[in-house]
Amino acid sequence: QVRLVESGGGFVQVGGSLRLSCTVSGSIFSIDAMGWYRQDGGKQRELVASITKDGSTKYRDSAKGRFTISRDNAKNTVYLQMNNLKPEDTAVYYCNVDFGYGLNSWGKGTLVTVSS
């Protein structure tokens, strides 16, 4: 049984910063890619940023230059530092972990609200 626990969401004003964390616990053999997705209401869930086991990163265009994804493999934790937040960043942010071999798991989500 694997568990993903996210934290760090909240309410922030435009231009503010938040740091999301997602820690994986349970029966873990290995973790490949880790990522953050977001979903705003009825819109489709979209990739915000991802990071491979060797540290290669990928960002959606709107996150480049403002968000930074990182991971601590010893702690099975992935982070998303979000700076210069905008109202359009408001969404529920979900952690996703790829364990390889077709195994994938999602966190329950953490709400980020950016107020103007």
N, C-alpha and C. Protein backbone atom coordinates (compact mmCIF):
# COMPACT_ATOMS: atom_id res chain seq x y z
N GLN A 1 0.85 -1.19 0.00
CA GLN A 1 0.00 0.00 0.00
C GLN A 1 0.89 1.24 0.00
N VAL A 2 0.63 2.14 -0.94
CA VAL A 2 1.39 3.37 -1.06
C VAL A 2 0.50 4.55 -0.74
N ARG A 3 1.07 5.51 -0.06
CA ARG A 3 0.32 6.70 0.33
C ARG A 3 1.08 7.95 -0.10
N LEU A 4 0.36 8.90 -0.72
CA LEU A 4 0.93 10.19 -1.09
C LEU A 4 0.25 11.26 -0.26
N VAL A 5 1.04 12.04 0.46
CA VAL A 5 0.49 13.10 1.29
C VAL A 5 1.04 14.44 0.82
N GLU A 6 0.12 15.30 0.39
CA GLU A 6 0.48 16.63 -0.09
C GLU A 6 0.26 17.66 1.01
N SER A 7 1.03 18.72 0.96
CA SER A 7 0.85 19.83 1.89
C SER A 7 1.38 21.10 1.25
N GLY A 8 1.03 22.23 1.85
CA GLY A 8 1.58 23.49 1.40
C GLY A 8 0.62 24.39 0.65
N GLY A 9 -0.54 23.88 0.32
CA GLY A 9 -1.50 24.73 -0.36
C GLY A 9 -2.07 25.79 0.57
N GLY A 10 -2.81 26.72 0.00
CA GLY A 10 -3.40 27.76 0.83
C GLY A 10 -3.84 28.95 0.02
N PHE A 11 -4.07 30.03 0.74
CA PHE A 11 -4.55 31.27 0.15
C PHE A 11 -3.39 32.26 0.10
N VAL A 12 -3.20 32.88 -1.04
CA VAL A 12 -2.10 33.84 -1.18
C VAL A 12 -2.54 34.95 -2.13
N GLN A 13 -1.99 36.11 -1.96
CA GLN A 13 -2.31 37.22 -2.86
C GLN A 13 -1.43 37.18 -4.10
N VAL A 14 -1.87 37.88 -5.11
CA VAL A 14 -1.12 37.95 -6.36
C VAL A 14 0.32 38.37 -6.08
N GLY A 15 1.26 37.65 -6.70
CA GLY A 15 2.66 37.93 -6.50
C GLY A 15 3.29 37.18 -5.35
N GLY A 16 2.48 36.51 -4.59
CA GLY A 16 2.99 35.76 -3.45
C GLY A 16 3.59 34.42 -3.85
N SER A 17 4.02 33.67 -2.83
CA SER A 17 4.69 32.39 -3.06
C SER A 17 4.10 31.31 -2.17
N LEU A 18 4.17 30.10 -2.65
CA LEU A 18 3.81 28.92 -1.88
C LEU A 18 4.76 27.80 -2.25
N ARG A 19 4.96 26.88 -1.31
CA ARG A 19 5.78 25.70 -1.58
C ARG A 19 4.95 24.47 -1.25
N LEU A 20 4.72 23.67 -2.27
CA LEU A 20 3.99 22.42 -2.10
C LEU A 20 4.96 21.28 -1.86
N SER A 21 4.53 20.33 -1.04
CA SER A 21 5.33 19.14 -0.78
C SER A 21 4.45 17.91 -0.96
N CYS A 22 5.06 16.84 -1.38
CA CYS A 22 4.35 15.57 -1.51
C CYS A 22 5.31 14.46 -1.10
N THR A 23 4.93 13.74 -0.04
CA THR A 23 5.77 12.67 0.47
C THR A 23 5.10 11.33 0.23
N VAL A 24 5.89 10.40 -0.28
CA VAL A 24 5.40 9.06 -0.59
C VAL A 24 5.83 8.11 0.52
N SER A 25 4.90 7.33 1.01
CA SER A 25 5.22 6.36 2.05
C SER A 25 4.57 5.02 1.72
N GLY A 26 5.02 4.00 2.40
CA GLY A 26 4.45 2.68 2.18
C GLY A 26 5.44 1.75 1.52
N SER A 27 4.91 0.77 0.82
CA SER A 27 5.74 -0.26 0.18
C SER A 27 6.27 0.27 -1.14
N ILE A 28 7.44 0.88 -1.09
CA ILE A 28 8.02 1.51 -2.27
C ILE A 28 9.25 0.74 -2.68
N PHE A 29 9.26 0.27 -3.92
CA PHE A 29 10.44 -0.39 -4.44
C PHE A 29 11.35 0.64 -5.10
N SER A 30 10.76 1.44 -5.96
CA SER A 30 11.52 2.51 -6.60
C SER A 30 10.53 3.54 -7.11
N ILE A 31 11.02 4.76 -7.32
CA ILE A 31 10.21 5.84 -7.86
C ILE A 31 10.91 6.39 -9.10
N ASP A 32 10.21 6.43 -10.20
CA ASP A 32 10.76 7.03 -11.42
C ASP A 32 10.42 8.52 -11.42
N ALA A 33 9.53 8.95 -12.27
CA ALA A 33 9.19 10.37 -12.36
C ALA A 33 8.20 10.77 -11.27
N MET A 34 8.29 12.03 -10.88
CA MET A 34 7.34 12.62 -9.94
C MET A 34 6.87 13.93 -10.57
N GLY A 35 5.63 14.28 -10.30
CA GLY A 35 5.12 15.48 -10.95
C GLY A 35 3.99 16.13 -10.20
N TRP A 36 3.71 17.33 -10.62
CA TRP A 36 2.57 18.08 -10.09
C TRP A 36 1.63 18.43 -11.24
N TYR A 37 0.36 18.17 -11.01
CA TYR A 37 -0.70 18.52 -11.95
C TYR A 37 -1.65 19.46 -11.23
N ARG A 38 -2.51 20.12 -11.99
CA ARG A 38 -3.52 20.95 -11.36
C ARG A 38 -4.82 20.86 -12.15
N GLN A 39 -5.90 21.13 -11.43
CA GLN A 39 -7.22 21.11 -12.06
C GLN A 39 -8.06 22.22 -11.46
N ASP A 40 -8.60 23.04 -12.32
CA ASP A 40 -9.43 24.16 -11.91
C ASP A 40 -10.87 23.87 -12.28
N GLY A 41 -11.68 23.55 -11.30
CA GLY A 41 -13.10 23.28 -11.52
C GLY A 41 -13.29 22.14 -12.51
N GLY A 42 -14.10 22.38 -13.53
CA GLY A 42 -14.42 21.34 -14.49
C GLY A 42 -13.44 21.22 -15.63
N LYS A 43 -12.36 21.96 -15.56
CA LYS A 43 -11.37 21.90 -16.63
C LYS A 43 -10.57 20.61 -16.53
N GLN A 44 -9.87 20.30 -17.62
CA GLN A 44 -9.05 19.10 -17.65
C GLN A 44 -7.83 19.26 -16.75
N ARG A 45 -7.44 18.17 -16.10
CA ARG A 45 -6.24 18.20 -15.27
C ARG A 45 -5.03 18.39 -16.18
N GLU A 46 -4.14 19.29 -15.79
CA GLU A 46 -3.00 19.61 -16.65
C GLU A 46 -1.68 19.48 -15.89
N LEU A 47 -0.66 19.08 -16.62
CA LEU A 47 0.67 18.95 -16.04
C LEU A 47 1.25 20.33 -15.77
N VAL A 48 1.75 20.52 -14.56
CA VAL A 48 2.42 21.77 -14.22
C VAL A 48 3.94 21.60 -14.37
N ALA A 49 4.46 20.54 -13.75
CA ALA A 49 5.90 20.29 -13.80
C ALA A 49 6.16 18.83 -13.45
N SER A 50 7.25 18.31 -13.98
CA SER A 50 7.64 16.95 -13.64
C SER A 50 9.15 16.87 -13.52
N ILE A 51 9.60 15.83 -12.81
CA ILE A 51 11.03 15.64 -12.61
C ILE A 51 11.33 14.15 -12.62
N THR A 52 12.36 13.78 -13.37
CA THR A 52 12.72 12.37 -13.45
C THR A 52 13.63 12.00 -12.28
N LYS A 53 13.94 10.71 -12.22
CA LYS A 53 14.77 10.22 -11.12
C LYS A 53 16.16 10.86 -11.14
N ASP A 54 16.65 11.19 -12.33
CA ASP A 54 17.98 11.78 -12.41
C ASP A 54 17.95 13.30 -12.40
N GLY A 55 16.75 13.89 -12.18
CA GLY A 55 16.67 15.33 -11.99
C GLY A 55 16.29 16.15 -13.20
N SER A 56 16.00 15.52 -14.31
CA SER A 56 15.56 16.27 -15.49
C SER A 56 14.15 16.80 -15.26
N THR A 57 13.95 18.06 -15.62
CA THR A 57 12.66 18.69 -15.33
C THR A 57 11.95 19.13 -16.60
N LYS A 58 10.65 19.27 -16.45
CA LYS A 58 9.80 19.74 -17.54
C LYS A 58 8.73 20.62 -16.92
N TYR A 59 8.40 21.74 -17.59
CA TYR A 59 7.39 22.68 -17.09
C TYR A 59 6.41 23.04 -18.19
N ARG A 60 5.17 23.33 -17.78
CA ARG A 60 4.26 23.93 -18.75
C ARG A 60 4.74 25.36 -18.97
N ASP A 61 4.41 25.91 -20.11
CA ASP A 61 4.94 27.23 -20.46
C ASP A 61 4.61 28.29 -19.42
N SER A 62 3.40 28.28 -18.89
CA SER A 62 2.99 29.33 -17.95
C SER A 62 3.71 29.25 -16.61
N ALA A 63 4.36 28.12 -16.35
CA ALA A 63 5.07 27.93 -15.09
C ALA A 63 6.56 28.25 -15.21
N LYS A 64 7.05 28.27 -16.41
CA LYS A 64 8.50 28.51 -16.61
C LYS A 64 8.91 29.87 -16.07
N GLY A 65 10.00 29.88 -15.31
CA GLY A 65 10.50 31.11 -14.73
C GLY A 65 9.85 31.50 -13.42
N ARG A 66 8.75 30.83 -13.07
CA ARG A 66 8.06 31.15 -11.81
C ARG A 66 8.05 29.96 -10.85
N PHE A 67 7.93 28.77 -11.38
CA PHE A 67 7.83 27.56 -10.55
C PHE A 67 9.12 26.75 -10.67
N THR A 68 9.47 26.08 -9.58
CA THR A 68 10.62 25.18 -9.58
C THR A 68 10.25 23.87 -8.92
N ILE A 69 10.44 22.78 -9.64
CA ILE A 69 10.18 21.46 -9.07
C ILE A 69 11.51 20.86 -8.64
N SER A 70 11.48 20.17 -7.52
CA SER A 70 12.68 19.50 -7.02
C SER A 70 12.25 18.24 -6.26
N ARG A 71 13.20 17.39 -5.96
CA ARG A 71 12.87 16.18 -5.22
C ARG A 71 14.02 15.79 -4.31
N ASP A 72 13.65 15.13 -3.24
CA ASP A 72 14.62 14.57 -2.30
C ASP A 72 14.40 13.07 -2.31
N ASN A 73 15.24 12.35 -3.02
CA ASN A 73 15.03 10.92 -3.18
C ASN A 73 15.16 10.17 -1.85
N ALA A 74 15.98 10.66 -0.96
CA ALA A 74 16.14 10.00 0.33
C ALA A 74 14.86 10.09 1.16
N LYS A 75 14.09 11.14 0.93
CA LYS A 75 12.85 11.34 1.68
C LYS A 75 11.62 10.99 0.87
N ASN A 76 11.82 10.51 -0.36
CA ASN A 76 10.68 10.19 -1.24
C ASN A 76 9.71 11.36 -1.32
N THR A 77 10.25 12.54 -1.49
CA THR A 77 9.46 13.76 -1.47
C THR A 77 9.73 14.61 -2.70
N VAL A 78 8.68 15.18 -3.23
CA VAL A 78 8.80 16.12 -4.34
C VAL A 78 8.22 17.46 -3.90
N TYR A 79 8.85 18.52 -4.37
CA TYR A 79 8.44 19.87 -3.99
C TYR A 79 8.09 20.67 -5.23
N LEU A 80 7.25 21.67 -5.02
CA LEU A 80 6.97 22.64 -6.08
C LEU A 80 7.01 24.02 -5.44
N GLN A 81 8.05 24.77 -5.73
CA GLN A 81 8.15 26.14 -5.27
C GLN A 81 7.47 27.02 -6.31
N MET A 82 6.47 27.76 -5.87
CA MET A 82 5.70 28.61 -6.77
C MET A 82 5.86 30.06 -6.37
N ASN A 83 6.43 30.85 -7.24
CA ASN A 83 6.65 32.27 -6.99
C ASN A 83 5.83 33.11 -7.96
N ASN A 84 5.66 34.38 -7.60
CA ASN A 84 4.92 35.30 -8.47
C ASN A 84 3.59 34.69 -8.91
N LEU A 85 2.83 34.23 -7.96
CA LEU A 85 1.58 33.55 -8.28
C LEU A 85 0.56 34.49 -8.87
N LYS A 86 -0.23 33.95 -9.77
CA LYS A 86 -1.25 34.72 -10.49
C LYS A 86 -2.62 34.11 -10.24
N PRO A 87 -3.69 34.87 -10.42
CA PRO A 87 -5.03 34.31 -10.20
C PRO A 87 -5.29 33.05 -11.04
N GLU A 88 -4.73 32.98 -12.22
CA GLU A 88 -4.94 31.82 -13.09
C GLU A 88 -4.20 30.57 -12.59
N ASP A 89 -3.39 30.72 -11.54
CA ASP A 89 -2.76 29.55 -10.92
C ASP A 89 -3.69 28.89 -9.91
N THR A 90 -4.80 29.52 -9.61
CA THR A 90 -5.76 28.95 -8.67
C THR A 90 -6.27 27.61 -9.18
N ALA A 91 -6.13 26.58 -8.36
CA ALA A 91 -6.54 25.23 -8.74
C ALA A 91 -6.26 24.29 -7.58
N VAL A 92 -6.74 23.07 -7.73
CA VAL A 92 -6.31 22.00 -6.85
C VAL A 92 -5.07 21.37 -7.48
N TYR A 93 -4.02 21.27 -6.72
CA TYR A 93 -2.75 20.72 -7.20
C TYR A 93 -2.60 19.29 -6.71
N TYR A 94 -2.30 18.40 -7.66
CA TYR A 94 -2.18 16.98 -7.36
C TYR A 94 -0.75 16.50 -7.60
N CYS A 95 -0.27 15.71 -6.70
CA CYS A 95 1.02 15.05 -6.86
C CYS A 95 0.80 13.73 -7.61
N ASN A 96 1.70 13.42 -8.50
CA ASN A 96 1.65 12.16 -9.22
C ASN A 96 3.02 11.49 -9.16
N VAL A 97 3.00 10.20 -8.91
CA VAL A 97 4.25 9.45 -8.82
C VAL A 97 4.20 8.25 -9.74
N ASP A 98 5.22 8.11 -10.53
CA ASP A 98 5.35 6.98 -11.45
C ASP A 98 6.37 6.01 -10.86
N PHE A 99 5.90 4.80 -10.54
CA PHE A 99 6.78 3.81 -9.93
C PHE A 99 7.42 2.89 -10.97
N GLY A 100 7.10 3.15 -12.24
CA GLY A 100 7.60 2.27 -13.29
C GLY A 100 6.70 1.04 -13.40
N TYR A 101 6.99 0.21 -14.42
CA TYR A 101 6.22 -1.02 -14.63
C TYR A 101 4.72 -0.74 -14.77
N GLY A 102 4.37 0.46 -15.23
CA GLY A 102 2.97 0.80 -15.43
C GLY A 102 2.23 1.18 -14.17
N LEU A 103 2.94 1.32 -13.06
CA LEU A 103 2.31 1.68 -11.79
C LEU A 103 2.41 3.17 -11.54
N ASN A 104 1.29 3.75 -11.14
CA ASN A 104 1.17 5.19 -11.02
C ASN A 104 0.22 5.49 -9.87
N SER A 105 0.48 6.57 -9.13
CA SER A 105 -0.39 6.90 -8.02
C SER A 105 -0.58 8.41 -7.90
N TRP A 106 -1.76 8.80 -7.42
CA TRP A 106 -2.11 10.21 -7.26
C TRP A 106 -2.33 10.55 -5.80
N GLY A 107 -1.99 11.78 -5.43
CA GLY A 107 -2.38 12.29 -4.13
C GLY A 107 -3.81 12.79 -4.19
N LYS A 108 -4.31 13.21 -3.03
CA LYS A 108 -5.71 13.65 -2.95
C LYS A 108 -5.87 15.11 -3.35
N GLY A 109 -4.76 15.84 -3.44
CA GLY A 109 -4.82 17.22 -3.89
C GLY A 109 -4.75 18.23 -2.76
N THR A 110 -4.22 19.38 -3.10
CA THR A 110 -4.15 20.49 -2.16
C THR A 110 -4.56 21.76 -2.90
N LEU A 111 -5.42 22.54 -2.28
CA LEU A 111 -6.00 23.71 -2.95
C LEU A 111 -5.08 24.92 -2.84
N VAL A 112 -4.85 25.54 -3.97
CA VAL A 112 -4.12 26.80 -4.04
C VAL A 112 -5.06 27.87 -4.56
N THR A 113 -5.21 28.94 -3.79
CA THR A 113 -6.09 30.04 -4.18
C THR A 113 -5.27 31.32 -4.22
N VAL A 114 -5.26 31.96 -5.38
CA VAL A 114 -4.52 33.21 -5.55
C VAL A 114 -5.53 34.33 -5.74
N SER A 115 -5.50 35.27 -4.84
CA SER A 115 -6.48 36.35 -4.87
C SER A 115 -5.87 37.64 -5.40
N SER A 116 -6.66 38.32 -6.20
CA SER A 116 -6.22 39.62 -6.70
C SER A 116 -6.80 40.74 -5.84
